[in-house]
Amino acid sequence: MEKVILEREALKLPAHERALLADALLGSLDDEAVRNAEAACAQESEDRYQAFLRGEIEVVDGPTVFRQLRARHAK
């Protein structure tokens, strides 16, 4: 019962306050699996950045990426 009340009250908050609350709640779940996933993401980002600096990959802007994805997955 309390969970339902808490959820209902949280949903009344403005979007930016709900986002802050969600971030705080997710941060409270910081366990080893989350830390490992974050470390893996950080390493992947660094690896891609270094590959870009070496000229091994090219940069594509966001709108172009979404346009290409839409075209690839259009039915």
Protein backbone atom coordinates (compact mmCIF):
# COMPACT_ATOMS: atom_id res chain seq x y z
CA MET A 1 0.00 0.00 0.00
CA GLU A 2 2.77 2.48 0.92
CA LYS A 3 4.56 1.82 -2.38
CA VAL A 4 1.45 2.84 -4.31
CA ILE A 5 1.12 6.07 -2.31
CA LEU A 6 4.80 6.88 -2.74
CA GLU A 7 4.66 6.20 -6.47
CA ARG A 8 1.51 8.30 -6.90
CA GLU A 9 3.05 11.22 -5.01
CA ALA A 10 6.33 10.96 -6.94
CA LEU A 11 4.43 11.09 -10.23
CA LYS A 12 2.93 14.42 -9.18
CA LEU A 13 6.38 16.01 -9.17
CA PRO A 14 7.51 18.15 -12.11
CA ALA A 15 9.56 16.21 -14.68
CA HIS A 16 12.92 17.68 -13.62
CA GLU A 17 12.27 16.77 -9.98
CA ARG A 18 11.24 13.23 -10.97
CA ALA A 19 14.48 12.95 -12.94
CA LEU A 20 16.50 14.03 -9.89
CA LEU A 21 14.61 11.56 -7.72
CA ALA A 22 15.14 8.75 -10.24
CA ASP A 23 18.86 9.56 -10.40
CA ALA A 24 19.11 9.49 -6.61
CA LEU A 25 17.25 6.17 -6.43
CA LEU A 26 19.39 4.59 -9.13
CA GLY A 27 22.51 5.87 -7.40
CA SER A 28 21.40 4.11 -4.23
CA LEU A 29 21.55 0.80 -6.12
CA ASP A 30 25.29 1.17 -6.65
CA ASP A 31 26.49 -2.37 -6.36
CA GLU A 32 29.39 -4.22 -7.90
CA ALA A 33 27.50 -5.13 -11.10
CA VAL A 34 26.61 -1.48 -11.69
CA ARG A 35 30.19 -0.36 -11.04
CA ASN A 36 31.49 -3.02 -13.44
CA ALA A 37 29.03 -1.96 -16.15
CA GLU A 38 29.96 1.71 -15.71
CA ALA A 39 33.67 0.85 -15.88
CA ALA A 40 33.11 -1.18 -19.05
CA CYS A 41 31.19 1.73 -20.64
CA ALA A 42 33.93 4.18 -19.67
CA GLN A 43 36.59 1.88 -21.15
CA GLU A 44 34.62 1.47 -24.39
CA SER A 45 34.27 5.24 -24.66
CA GLU A 46 37.99 5.74 -24.14
CA ASP A 47 38.83 3.00 -26.66
CA ARG A 48 36.58 4.61 -29.29
CA TYR A 49 38.02 8.08 -28.62
CA GLN A 50 41.57 6.79 -29.01
CA ALA A 51 40.59 5.00 -32.24
CA PHE A 52 39.16 8.30 -33.52
CA LEU A 53 42.39 10.13 -32.64
CA ARG A 54 44.37 7.46 -34.54
CA GLY A 55 42.10 7.96 -37.56
CA GLU A 56 40.69 4.45 -37.37
CA ILE A 57 37.06 5.55 -37.10
CA GLU A 58 35.15 8.55 -38.39
CA VAL A 59 32.70 10.81 -36.63
CA VAL A 60 29.10 10.89 -37.79
CA ASP A 61 26.72 13.51 -36.42
CA GLY A 62 23.54 12.48 -34.60
CA PRO A 63 20.98 13.49 -37.24
CA THR A 64 22.89 11.53 -39.88
CA VAL A 65 23.03 8.44 -37.67
CA PHE A 66 19.28 8.55 -37.03
CA ARG A 67 18.57 9.11 -40.73
CA GLN A 68 20.73 6.09 -41.62
CA LEU A 69 19.06 3.94 -38.95
CA ARG A 70 15.58 4.90 -40.13
CA ALA A 71 16.51 4.09 -43.72
CA ARG A 72 18.06 0.76 -42.73
CA HIS A 73 15.06 -0.32 -40.66
CA ALA A 74 12.28 1.07 -42.86
CA LYS A 75 9.87 -1.56 -44.06
